Protein backbone atom coordinates (compact mmCIF):
# COMPACT_ATOMS: atom_id res chain seq x y z
CA MET A 1 -11.72 23.42 -12.21
CA TYR A 2 -8.14 23.12 -13.41
CA PHE A 3 -6.87 24.84 -10.27
CA PHE A 4 -8.42 22.10 -8.13
CA LEU A 5 -7.43 19.39 -10.61
CA PHE A 6 -3.80 20.36 -10.12
CA TYR A 7 -4.04 19.77 -6.38
CA LEU A 8 -6.01 16.56 -6.87
CA SER A 9 -3.28 15.28 -9.18
CA PHE A 10 -0.64 16.35 -6.66
CA SER A 11 -2.40 14.58 -3.79
CA ASP A 12 -2.95 11.44 -5.90
CA THR A 13 0.72 11.36 -6.90
CA CYS A 14 1.96 11.74 -3.33
CA PHE A 15 -0.71 9.35 -2.04
CA SER A 16 0.37 6.49 -4.30
CA THR A 17 4.07 7.37 -3.98
CA SER A 18 3.89 6.95 -0.21
CA ILE A 19 2.80 3.33 -0.77
CA ALA A 20 3.89 1.97 -4.17
CA PRO A 21 7.75 2.23 -4.04
CA ARG A 22 8.00 0.62 -0.61
CA MET A 23 5.48 -2.07 -1.55
CA ILE A 24 7.43 -2.94 -4.72
CA VAL A 25 10.68 -3.23 -2.76
CA ASP A 26 9.03 -5.40 -0.11
CA ALA A 27 7.55 -7.64 -2.82
CA LEU A 28 11.03 -8.25 -4.27
CA LEU A 29 12.58 -9.07 -0.90
CA ARG A 30 11.89 -12.28 0.99
CA ASN A 31 12.26 -10.78 4.46
CA SER A 32 11.06 -7.20 4.33
CA THR A 33 11.26 -5.05 7.44
CA ILE A 34 10.26 -1.50 8.30
CA SER A 35 11.19 0.52 11.36
CA PHE A 36 8.54 1.90 13.68
CA SER A 37 9.37 5.50 12.73
CA GLU A 38 9.16 4.69 9.00
CA CYS A 39 5.85 2.96 9.62
CA MET A 40 4.46 6.03 11.38
CA ILE A 41 5.67 8.26 8.54
CA GLN A 42 3.88 6.03 6.06
CA VAL A 43 0.68 6.16 8.14
CA PHE A 44 0.92 9.97 8.29
CA SER A 45 1.58 10.43 4.57
CA LEU A 46 -1.10 7.90 3.60
CA HIS A 47 -3.81 9.63 5.63
CA PHE A 48 -2.60 13.15 4.91
CA PHE A 49 -2.67 12.89 1.13
CA GLY A 50 -5.72 10.62 1.15
CA CYS A 51 -7.66 13.12 3.27
CA LEU A 52 -6.37 15.98 1.11
CA GLY A 53 -7.75 14.21 -1.96
CA ILE A 54 -11.13 13.85 -0.24
CA PHE A 55 -11.28 17.55 0.62
CA ILE A 56 -10.21 18.52 -2.91
CA LEU A 57 -13.01 16.39 -4.36
CA ILE A 58 -15.45 18.24 -2.09
CA LEU A 59 -14.07 21.58 -3.27
CA MET A 60 -14.42 20.45 -6.88
CA ALA A 61 -18.07 19.61 -6.22
CA VAL A 62 -18.57 23.11 -4.76
CA ASP A 63 -16.83 24.59 -7.78
CA ARG A 64 -19.09 22.66 -10.18
CA TYR A 65 -22.17 23.71 -8.21
CA MET A 66 -21.21 27.37 -8.45
CA ALA A 67 -20.36 27.08 -12.15
CA ILE A 68 -23.61 25.32 -13.08
CA CYS A 69 -26.14 26.74 -10.59
CA LYS A 70 -24.68 30.25 -10.11
CA PRO A 71 -23.01 30.98 -13.48
CA LEU A 72 -23.41 34.77 -13.30
CA HIS A 73 -21.74 34.95 -9.88
CA TYR A 74 -19.17 32.19 -10.46
CA LEU A 75 -16.15 34.38 -11.27
CA THR A 76 -16.92 36.66 -8.34
CA ILE A 77 -17.42 33.89 -5.76
CA MET A 78 -14.81 31.37 -6.92
CA ASN A 79 -11.96 33.78 -7.56
CA ARG A 80 -8.31 32.78 -7.17
CA ARG A 81 -8.05 34.11 -3.63
CA VAL A 82 -11.08 32.15 -2.42
CA CYS A 83 -9.83 28.97 -4.11
CA THR A 84 -6.39 29.38 -2.52
CA VAL A 85 -7.92 29.85 0.94
CA LEU A 86 -10.11 26.77 0.45
CA VAL A 87 -7.13 24.64 -0.56
CA ALA A 88 -5.16 25.95 2.45
CA VAL A 89 -8.04 24.92 4.74
CA ALA A 90 -7.99 21.48 3.11
CA TRP A 91 -4.26 21.15 3.86
CA VAL A 92 -4.79 22.13 7.51
CA GLY A 93 -7.71 19.74 7.89
CA SER A 94 -5.69 16.90 6.37
CA CYS A 95 -2.82 17.62 8.75
CA VAL A 96 -5.15 17.52 11.77
CA HIS A 97 -6.63 14.20 10.61
CA SER A 98 -3.17 12.66 10.05
CA LEU A 99 -1.87 13.84 13.43
CA ALA A 100 -4.88 12.18 15.06
CA GLN A 101 -3.91 8.92 13.33
CA ILE A 102 -0.33 9.22 14.55
CA PHE A 103 -1.51 9.95 18.09
CA LEU A 104 -3.65 6.80 18.07
CA GLY A 105 -0.73 4.75 16.73
CA LEU A 106 1.77 6.08 19.27
CA SER A 107 -0.63 5.40 22.14
CA LEU A 108 -0.60 1.66 21.45
CA PRO A 109 1.86 -0.68 23.25
CA PHE A 110 3.58 -3.30 21.07
CA CYS A 111 5.33 -6.33 22.55
CA GLY A 112 5.70 -8.63 19.53
CA PRO A 113 5.65 -10.47 17.27
CA ASN A 114 5.56 -7.30 15.18
CA VAL A 115 4.58 -8.82 11.84
CA ILE A 116 2.14 -6.70 9.84
CA ASP A 117 -0.28 -8.77 7.78
CA HIS A 118 -0.65 -6.09 5.13
CA TYR A 119 1.08 -4.54 2.13
CA PHE A 120 1.76 -1.26 3.93
CA CYS A 121 1.52 0.37 7.35
CA ASP A 122 -1.91 1.54 8.38
CA LEU A 123 -3.62 1.91 11.72
CA GLU A 124 -5.97 -1.01 11.12
CA PRO A 125 -3.26 -3.74 10.79
CA LEU A 126 -1.29 -2.08 13.61
CA LEU A 127 -4.24 -2.55 15.97
CA LYS A 128 -3.85 -6.33 15.62
CA LEU A 129 -0.29 -6.11 16.96
CA ALA A 130 -1.16 -4.08 20.05
CA CYS A 131 -0.79 -5.77 23.45
CA THR A 132 -3.92 -4.17 24.87
CA ASP A 133 -7.64 -3.90 24.34
CA THR A 134 -8.18 -1.83 21.18
CA TYR A 135 -11.95 -1.38 21.45
CA VAL A 136 -11.72 2.34 22.25
CA VAL A 137 -9.10 2.92 19.53
CA ASN A 138 -11.36 1.11 17.07
CA LEU A 139 -14.20 3.46 17.95
CA LEU A 140 -11.92 6.47 17.53
CA LEU A 141 -10.71 5.14 14.18
CA VAL A 142 -14.27 4.72 12.93
CA SER A 143 -15.26 8.16 14.25
CA ASN A 144 -12.20 9.68 12.54
CA SER A 145 -11.40 7.97 9.23
CA GLY A 146 -14.73 6.19 8.85
CA ALA A 147 -16.76 9.31 9.57
CA ILE A 148 -14.69 11.47 7.19
CA CYS A 149 -15.14 8.97 4.34
CA THR A 150 -18.84 8.37 4.94
CA VAL A 151 -19.88 11.98 5.59
CA SER A 152 -17.82 13.25 2.66
CA PHE A 153 -19.31 10.64 0.34
CA VAL A 154 -22.87 11.53 1.40
CA MET A 155 -22.12 15.24 0.94
CA LEU A 156 -20.71 14.65 -2.53
CA VAL A 157 -23.60 12.45 -3.62
CA PHE A 158 -26.10 15.01 -2.30
CA SER A 159 -24.30 17.88 -4.04
CA TYR A 160 -24.23 16.10 -7.39
CA ILE A 161 -27.93 15.24 -7.06
CA ILE A 162 -28.61 18.97 -6.65
CA ILE A 163 -26.37 19.78 -9.62
CA LEU A 164 -27.99 17.18 -11.87
CA TYR A 165 -31.45 18.30 -10.79
CA SER A 166 -30.64 21.91 -11.63
CA LEU A 167 -29.60 20.92 -15.17
CA ARG A 168 -33.24 20.47 -16.16
CA ASN A 169 -33.45 24.24 -16.77
CA HIS A 170 -30.36 24.36 -18.98
CA SER A 171 -30.14 24.05 -22.74
CA ALA A 172 -29.28 20.72 -24.35
CA GLU A 173 -25.72 21.90 -25.08
CA GLY A 174 -25.32 23.19 -21.53
CA ARG A 175 -26.59 19.91 -20.06
CA LYS A 176 -24.21 17.92 -22.23
CA LYS A 177 -21.19 19.99 -21.19
CA ALA A 178 -22.10 19.94 -17.50
CA LEU A 179 -22.83 16.21 -17.52
CA SER A 180 -19.47 15.51 -19.18
CA THR A 181 -17.68 17.16 -16.27
CA CYS A 182 -19.92 15.84 -13.48
CA ILE A 183 -19.80 12.22 -14.67
CA SER A 184 -15.99 12.28 -14.45
CA HIS A 185 -16.19 13.54 -10.88
CA ILE A 186 -18.84 10.97 -9.92
CA ILE A 187 -16.77 8.08 -11.30
CA VAL A 188 -13.70 9.21 -9.34
CA VAL A 189 -15.77 9.66 -6.17
CA ILE A 190 -17.23 6.14 -6.41
CA LEU A 191 -13.87 4.49 -7.17
CA PHE A 192 -12.21 6.16 -4.18
CA PHE A 193 -14.89 6.36 -1.51
CA VAL A 194 -16.57 2.96 -1.78
CA PRO A 195 -13.34 1.01 -0.95
CA CYS A 196 -12.42 3.51 1.78
CA ILE A 197 -15.83 3.23 3.44
CA PHE A 198 -15.60 -0.55 3.22
CA ILE A 199 -12.22 -0.54 5.01
CA TYR A 200 -12.48 2.24 7.59
CA THR A 201 -16.05 1.85 8.86
CA ARG A 202 -15.35 -1.60 10.32
CA PRO A 203 -11.69 -1.79 11.48
CA ALA A 204 -12.48 -4.46 14.10
CA THR A 205 -13.65 -6.89 11.38
CA THR A 206 -11.31 -8.15 8.66
CA PHE A 207 -11.88 -10.03 5.42
CA THR A 208 -9.44 -11.76 3.09
CA MET A 209 -10.19 -9.21 0.35
CA ASP A 210 -9.23 -6.21 2.51
CA LYS A 211 -5.63 -6.12 1.35
CA MET A 212 -6.53 -6.20 -2.35
CA ILE A 213 -9.16 -3.49 -1.86
CA ALA A 214 -6.58 -1.36 -0.01
CA VAL A 215 -4.12 -1.75 -2.89
CA PHE A 216 -6.85 -0.74 -5.36
CA TYR A 217 -7.74 2.56 -3.68
CA THR A 218 -4.12 3.46 -2.83
CA ILE A 219 -2.58 2.67 -6.23
CA GLY A 220 -5.30 1.77 -8.72
CA THR A 221 -7.60 4.75 -8.19
CA PRO A 222 -4.86 7.44 -8.36
CA LEU A 223 -3.66 5.75 -11.56
CA LEU A 224 -7.13 5.79 -13.10
CA ASN A 225 -7.98 9.37 -12.14
CA PRO A 226 -5.86 11.07 -14.85
CA LEU A 227 -7.28 8.69 -17.47
CA ILE A 228 -10.86 9.38 -16.37
CA TYR A 229 -10.45 13.15 -16.41
CA THR A 230 -8.52 13.06 -19.68
CA LEU A 231 -10.98 10.89 -21.58
CA ARG A 232 -13.97 12.86 -20.25
CA ASN A 233 -12.45 16.29 -20.95
CA ALA A 234 -13.69 17.87 -24.19
CA GLU A 235 -10.60 20.06 -24.65
CA VAL A 236 -8.24 17.11 -24.25
CA LYS A 237 -10.31 14.96 -26.63
CA ASN A 238 -10.29 17.72 -29.26
CA ALA A 239 -6.52 18.08 -28.90
CA MET A 240 -6.09 14.31 -29.29
CA ARG A 241 -8.28 14.33 -32.41
CA LYS A 242 -6.15 17.11 -33.94
CA ILE A 243 -2.95 15.20 -33.20
CA TRP A 244 -4.44 12.01 -34.65
CA SER A 245 -5.60 13.86 -37.79
CA LYS A 246 -2.16 15.38 -38.32
CA LYS A 247 -0.60 11.94 -37.88
CA GLN A 248 -2.96 10.42 -40.44
CA ILE A 249 -2.24 13.23 -42.93
CA SER A 250 1.54 12.86 -42.49
CA GLU A 251 1.32 9.11 -43.05
CA ASP A 252 -0.76 9.59 -46.19
């Protein structure tokens, strides 16, 4: 679990870093501009690390399934080599997804005014600036980003239903420990996937709340993830209790 948590934290950090610094600078400047190449880099990094986070969450669900439903075979199946290969596949899949986004962006003609009505560069606001019919690109965007978000969310929900159903045969202590871990994962999945599905399954339609929702899942969710996993982790909570007890004793 901690092996995958490391890569989830890494992807979350890079995901928010690709958006937050530039957005803060643009908020402080009256006339903020970004070059086309910088915009494409931001689109690539946004989708690469976002997709990587999605794949890592799926791998974490697989890891939890093996640990809870196949405990006797867990160490044999989910060894370090297998986990490394799975993460490498996630990196390759994320790269393929991001390159598809860049290809769609580069295929669009832009003839001005090139003013993006958004806090950062993404394919959806770029479609509004294109000087051509974007119906086909919209379909490709839904079939790419929208399908990845929706299918992954359904897979994760289905996997956690299986995990929770299998807990009926465990002891009370085992159920408590497994639920503590699974609930953290479920909270993170809901916070990330629901806004993404809302944005990427209907790129042709826009609402006034889209920009705030985009900021939430690009900055808010990666910020909340460490807090969720920390507060739901028994080892971290025990360590915090020990530190608090030592502090109370020293003050007394």
